[in-house]
Amino acid sequence: MQLADLASLSHYSRIYVSPHLDDAALSCGGSIAAAPADALVVTLCTAAPPPGASFNAVAVEFHAEWGLAPAEVMGARLAEDAAAMAILGADYHYAGMLDAIYRVPDVYDSRATLYRPPVPGDPMMSQVRDLLMALHRGAPQATIYLPLGVGDHVDHLAVFEAAASLPTLPVAFYDDINYALAPRAVEQRLALIGRPLIARCVPFDEHALKSKIAAIAAYASQMDALFGGVTAMTAAITAYHASLHPAHGGYAERVWRSA
């Protein structure tokens, strides 16, 4: 069910903050599907660019890659996300922030500039801090799950840095998929963070894995760019989560907490 606002959060014990329309399913879909009743997904970058906005080169490139006209992008992606959340069985809320390519288009104007720390004055930093504090006020008993920042996407890093500025919040950081699938990508990110984090693997069964794969497949506009197709995605997701579970035939996702 989509929540129009965040007025009633007290029954959620797990809140998953997703920078984009797919990150929660990609990174935490197994854990969500295994126990959806007390899980809420809050997706940040869900606002359409204002009417008449001009688009920088990388936005035009992404629109073409997704096979969507600019006016169709947000509607199509929201529909994909609603289908994915229905598969996972999770409640969800859209925070209405702008993606980097629309938010600061004169700075985040190439693929290279999207994979760097946020620039000073990026409004997403303060927006995410305010949102995290509101989530904690509404559900003080909940753990808030956030991206670790693997892959260095600016929107993921903005969320991580906003959380780091609020050290008393009960947070855990998840492996950012698909970036975490690259060899040693997680280790490289941990080295950059430079402070000890303790890993915990969250197991789930084959039924939850199948739900996760089906939810990821619902993001049809992203599938070729992320994985090269559904078949490759299924193989990559299955292998990664099997590698995190010590028992044969099991699967797990990984989260990190401060030591």
Protein backbone atom coordinates (compact mmCIF):
# COMPACT_ATOMS: atom_id res chain seq x y z
CA MET A 1 0.00 0.00 0.00
CA GLN A 2 1.24 3.48 -0.83
CA LEU A 3 1.30 5.92 2.08
CA ALA A 4 0.35 9.44 1.08
CA ASP A 5 2.16 10.83 4.12
CA LEU A 6 4.24 9.71 7.10
CA ALA A 7 1.67 10.48 9.77
CA SER A 8 1.42 6.93 11.15
CA LEU A 9 4.61 4.92 11.36
CA SER A 10 4.49 3.37 14.82
CA HIS A 11 3.93 -0.23 13.67
CA TYR A 12 6.98 -0.37 11.38
CA SER A 13 10.14 -1.88 12.83
CA ARG A 14 12.12 -1.70 9.58
CA ILE A 15 12.27 1.34 7.28
CA TYR A 16 14.21 1.00 4.05
CA VAL A 17 15.39 4.27 2.50
CA SER A 18 15.82 3.88 -1.25
CA PRO A 19 17.53 6.70 -3.15
CA HIS A 20 15.91 5.70 -6.45
CA LEU A 21 12.98 3.70 -7.74
CA ASP A 22 14.63 0.26 -7.59
CA ASP A 23 17.33 0.44 -4.89
CA ALA A 24 15.26 -1.13 -2.10
CA ALA A 25 14.18 -4.07 -4.25
CA LEU A 26 17.68 -4.54 -5.63
CA SER A 27 19.47 -4.37 -2.29
CA CYS A 28 16.94 -5.50 0.33
CA GLY A 29 14.16 -7.24 -1.59
CA GLY A 30 14.79 -10.65 -0.04
CA SER A 31 14.60 -9.33 3.52
CA ILE A 32 11.49 -7.30 2.71
CA ALA A 33 9.71 -10.20 1.00
CA ALA A 34 10.55 -12.56 3.87
CA ALA A 35 8.71 -10.37 6.42
CA PRO A 36 6.81 -7.54 4.73
CA ALA A 37 4.23 -6.76 7.42
CA ASP A 38 6.46 -4.44 9.48
CA ALA A 39 8.52 -3.05 6.58
CA LEU A 40 8.18 0.37 4.94
CA VAL A 41 10.07 1.47 1.85
CA VAL A 42 10.67 5.22 1.51
CA THR A 43 11.95 6.21 -1.94
CA LEU A 44 13.59 9.60 -2.22
CA CYS A 45 14.02 10.62 -5.88
CA THR A 46 10.44 10.43 -7.11
CA ALA A 47 9.69 13.96 -8.30
CA ALA A 48 9.27 14.80 -11.96
CA PRO A 49 11.34 17.70 -13.27
CA PRO A 50 9.33 20.93 -13.51
CA PRO A 51 7.40 21.57 -16.73
CA GLY A 52 9.53 23.21 -19.38
CA ALA A 53 12.80 22.09 -17.79
CA SER A 54 15.74 21.65 -20.10
CA PHE A 55 17.76 18.47 -19.77
CA ASN A 56 21.52 18.10 -19.66
CA ALA A 57 23.43 15.63 -21.80
CA VAL A 58 23.41 12.76 -19.33
CA ALA A 59 19.67 13.09 -18.69
CA VAL A 60 19.03 12.89 -22.44
CA GLU A 61 21.32 9.86 -22.58
CA PHE A 62 19.48 8.12 -19.74
CA HIS A 63 16.05 8.83 -21.22
CA ALA A 64 17.15 7.20 -24.47
CA GLU A 65 18.70 4.26 -22.61
CA TRP A 66 15.45 3.68 -20.72
CA GLY A 67 13.38 4.00 -23.91
CA LEU A 68 11.21 6.72 -22.39
CA ALA A 69 10.36 10.25 -23.49
CA PRO A 70 11.10 12.90 -20.83
CA ALA A 71 7.41 13.39 -20.05
CA GLU A 72 6.97 9.64 -19.60
CA VAL A 73 9.94 8.90 -17.36
CA MET A 74 8.53 9.45 -13.88
CA GLY A 75 5.09 8.02 -14.59
CA ALA A 76 6.59 4.86 -16.08
CA ARG A 77 9.10 4.41 -13.29
CA LEU A 78 6.50 4.97 -10.56
CA ALA A 79 4.30 2.32 -12.18
CA GLU A 80 7.25 -0.11 -12.22
CA ASP A 81 7.92 0.60 -8.57
CA ALA A 82 4.30 0.10 -7.53
CA ALA A 83 4.35 -3.30 -9.26
CA ALA A 84 7.61 -4.21 -7.50
CA MET A 85 6.29 -3.19 -4.07
CA ALA A 86 3.14 -5.26 -4.65
CA ILE A 87 5.30 -8.30 -5.39
CA LEU A 88 7.33 -7.75 -2.21
CA GLY A 89 4.18 -7.06 -0.18
CA ALA A 90 5.61 -3.85 1.33
CA ASP A 91 4.05 -0.52 2.18
CA TYR A 92 5.83 2.38 0.50
CA HIS A 93 6.05 6.16 0.42
CA TYR A 94 7.47 8.60 -2.14
CA ALA A 95 9.47 11.47 -0.63
CA GLY A 96 9.28 13.66 -3.75
CA MET A 97 12.94 14.67 -4.11
CA LEU A 98 14.65 15.23 -7.44
CA ASP A 99 17.21 12.88 -8.94
CA ALA A 100 20.70 14.38 -9.26
CA ILE A 101 20.39 14.82 -13.04
CA TYR A 102 17.33 17.05 -12.46
CA ARG A 103 18.29 18.53 -9.07
CA VAL A 104 21.62 20.18 -9.95
CA PRO A 105 21.73 19.71 -13.74
CA ASP A 106 24.57 22.14 -14.33
CA VAL A 107 26.87 20.11 -12.05
CA TYR A 108 25.70 16.49 -12.35
CA ASP A 109 25.87 16.61 -16.12
CA SER A 110 27.85 13.49 -17.06
CA ARG A 111 28.23 9.91 -15.88
CA ALA A 112 31.56 10.87 -14.30
CA THR A 113 30.05 13.68 -12.21
CA LEU A 114 27.33 11.34 -10.94
CA TYR A 115 29.92 9.14 -9.23
CA ARG A 116 31.48 11.64 -6.83
CA PRO A 117 30.57 13.04 -3.41
CA PRO A 118 27.74 15.60 -3.42
CA VAL A 119 28.78 19.16 -4.13
CA PRO A 120 28.46 21.82 -1.39
CA GLY A 121 24.96 23.19 -1.32
CA ASP A 122 23.32 20.12 -2.83
CA PRO A 123 19.82 20.39 -1.34
CA MET A 124 19.46 16.64 -0.99
CA MET A 125 21.72 16.61 2.08
CA SER A 126 19.42 18.75 4.23
CA GLN A 127 16.29 17.14 2.78
CA VAL A 128 17.48 13.67 3.75
CA ARG A 129 18.54 14.78 7.24
CA ASP A 130 15.08 16.25 7.83
CA LEU A 131 13.43 13.11 6.51
CA LEU A 132 15.54 10.77 8.66
CA MET A 133 14.70 12.74 11.79
CA ALA A 134 11.01 12.64 10.88
CA LEU A 135 11.14 8.89 10.32
CA HIS A 136 12.82 8.37 13.68
CA ARG A 137 10.27 10.57 15.47
CA GLY A 138 7.44 8.65 13.88
CA ALA A 139 8.93 5.19 14.51
CA PRO A 140 11.57 5.48 17.25
CA GLN A 141 11.68 1.70 17.61
CA ALA A 142 12.50 1.12 13.92
CA THR A 143 15.85 0.39 12.35
CA ILE A 144 16.39 2.62 9.31
CA TYR A 145 18.22 0.87 6.48
CA LEU A 146 20.30 3.08 4.19
CA PRO A 147 22.76 2.61 1.31
CA LEU A 148 26.38 1.96 2.22
CA GLY A 149 27.44 3.97 -0.84
CA VAL A 150 29.09 1.17 -2.81
CA GLY A 151 29.63 2.43 -6.35
CA ASP A 152 29.86 6.09 -5.25
CA HIS A 153 26.64 7.29 -6.87
CA VAL A 154 26.12 10.85 -5.64
CA ASP A 155 22.55 10.22 -4.46
CA HIS A 156 23.64 7.18 -2.45
CA LEU A 157 26.56 9.09 -0.96
CA ALA A 158 24.28 11.98 -0.02
CA VAL A 159 22.07 9.60 1.95
CA PHE A 160 25.06 7.97 3.67
CA GLU A 161 26.57 11.33 4.61
CA ALA A 162 23.26 12.67 5.89
CA ALA A 163 22.95 9.63 8.16
CA ALA A 164 26.57 10.00 9.31
CA SER A 165 25.72 13.52 10.49
CA LEU A 166 23.02 12.06 12.78
CA PRO A 167 25.04 9.50 14.76
CA THR A 168 22.35 8.71 17.36
CA LEU A 169 19.86 7.36 14.82
CA PRO A 170 19.34 3.56 14.81
CA VAL A 171 20.61 2.82 11.31
CA ALA A 172 22.11 -0.01 9.31
CA PHE A 173 23.69 0.20 5.87
CA TYR A 174 22.97 -2.22 3.05
CA ASP A 175 25.15 -3.40 0.17
CA ASP A 176 24.18 -1.27 -2.84
CA ILE A 177 23.20 -3.63 -5.66
CA ASN A 178 24.04 -3.81 -8.51
CA TYR A 179 27.29 -1.98 -7.63
CA ALA A 180 28.13 -4.49 -4.88
CA LEU A 181 28.22 -7.32 -7.41
CA ALA A 182 31.58 -6.10 -8.76
CA PRO A 183 34.59 -7.89 -7.23
CA ARG A 184 35.95 -6.10 -4.13
CA ALA A 185 33.55 -3.16 -4.59
CA VAL A 186 32.23 -3.46 -1.03
CA GLU A 187 35.74 -3.75 0.41
CA GLN A 188 36.84 -0.63 -1.48
CA ARG A 189 33.89 1.33 -0.12
CA LEU A 190 34.58 0.19 3.44
CA ALA A 191 38.18 1.34 3.10
CA LEU A 192 37.01 4.79 1.98
CA ILE A 193 34.59 5.07 4.91
CA GLY A 194 37.54 4.56 7.22
CA ARG A 195 35.69 3.56 10.39
CA PRO A 196 34.84 0.07 11.61
CA LEU A 197 31.53 -1.41 10.57
CA ILE A 198 30.28 -4.85 11.54
CA ALA A 199 28.56 -7.03 8.95
CA ARG A 200 25.42 -9.06 9.59
CA CYS A 201 23.90 -11.39 7.03
CA VAL A 202 20.10 -11.56 6.96
CA PRO A 203 18.97 -14.97 5.67
CA PHE A 204 15.91 -15.63 3.55
CA ASP A 205 14.47 -18.61 1.71
CA GLU A 206 13.98 -19.49 -1.94
CA HIS A 207 10.44 -18.13 -1.97
CA ALA A 208 11.72 -14.70 -0.88
CA LEU A 209 14.50 -14.92 -3.47
CA LYS A 210 11.96 -15.57 -6.22
CA SER A 211 9.90 -12.61 -5.02
CA LYS A 212 13.00 -10.40 -5.04
CA ILE A 213 13.89 -11.46 -8.58
CA ALA A 214 10.33 -10.85 -9.78
CA ALA A 215 10.30 -7.42 -8.11
CA ILE A 216 13.59 -6.43 -9.74
CA ALA A 217 12.29 -7.62 -13.12
CA ALA A 218 9.34 -5.22 -12.71
CA TYR A 219 11.78 -2.36 -13.37
CA ALA A 220 11.76 -3.13 -17.08
CA SER A 221 13.19 0.27 -18.11
CA GLN A 222 16.32 -0.37 -16.04
CA MET A 223 16.95 -4.03 -16.80
CA ASP A 224 19.25 -3.78 -19.80
CA ALA A 225 21.35 -0.98 -18.31
CA LEU A 226 21.77 -2.70 -14.95
CA PHE A 227 22.20 -6.33 -15.96
CA GLY A 228 21.84 -6.84 -19.71
CA GLY A 229 18.47 -8.52 -19.29
CA VAL A 230 16.34 -10.56 -16.91
CA THR A 231 18.23 -13.82 -17.43
CA ALA A 232 21.55 -12.25 -16.49
CA MET A 233 19.93 -10.47 -13.54
CA THR A 234 18.46 -13.70 -12.20
CA ALA A 235 21.82 -15.46 -12.36
CA ALA A 236 23.75 -12.56 -10.78
CA ILE A 237 21.27 -12.00 -7.93
CA THR A 238 21.00 -15.71 -7.14
CA ALA A 239 24.77 -16.20 -7.09
CA TYR A 240 25.45 -13.14 -4.94
CA HIS A 241 22.94 -13.97 -2.24
CA ALA A 242 23.93 -17.63 -2.19
CA SER A 243 27.53 -16.52 -1.61
CA LEU A 244 26.50 -14.66 1.56
CA HIS A 245 24.82 -17.69 3.15
CA PRO A 246 27.05 -20.39 4.65
CA ALA A 247 24.54 -23.22 4.27
CA HIS A 248 23.99 -24.92 0.93
CA GLY A 249 20.73 -23.83 -0.64
CA GLY A 250 20.32 -20.70 1.49
CA TYR A 251 20.42 -17.01 0.62
CA ALA A 252 21.20 -13.82 2.51
CA GLU A 253 21.55 -10.06 2.18
CA ARG A 254 24.18 -8.12 4.10
CA VAL A 255 23.87 -5.04 6.28
CA TRP A 256 26.47 -3.09 8.21
CA ARG A 257 26.32 -1.37 11.60
CA SER A 258 28.77 0.81 13.48
CA ALA A 259 31.14 -1.15 15.67
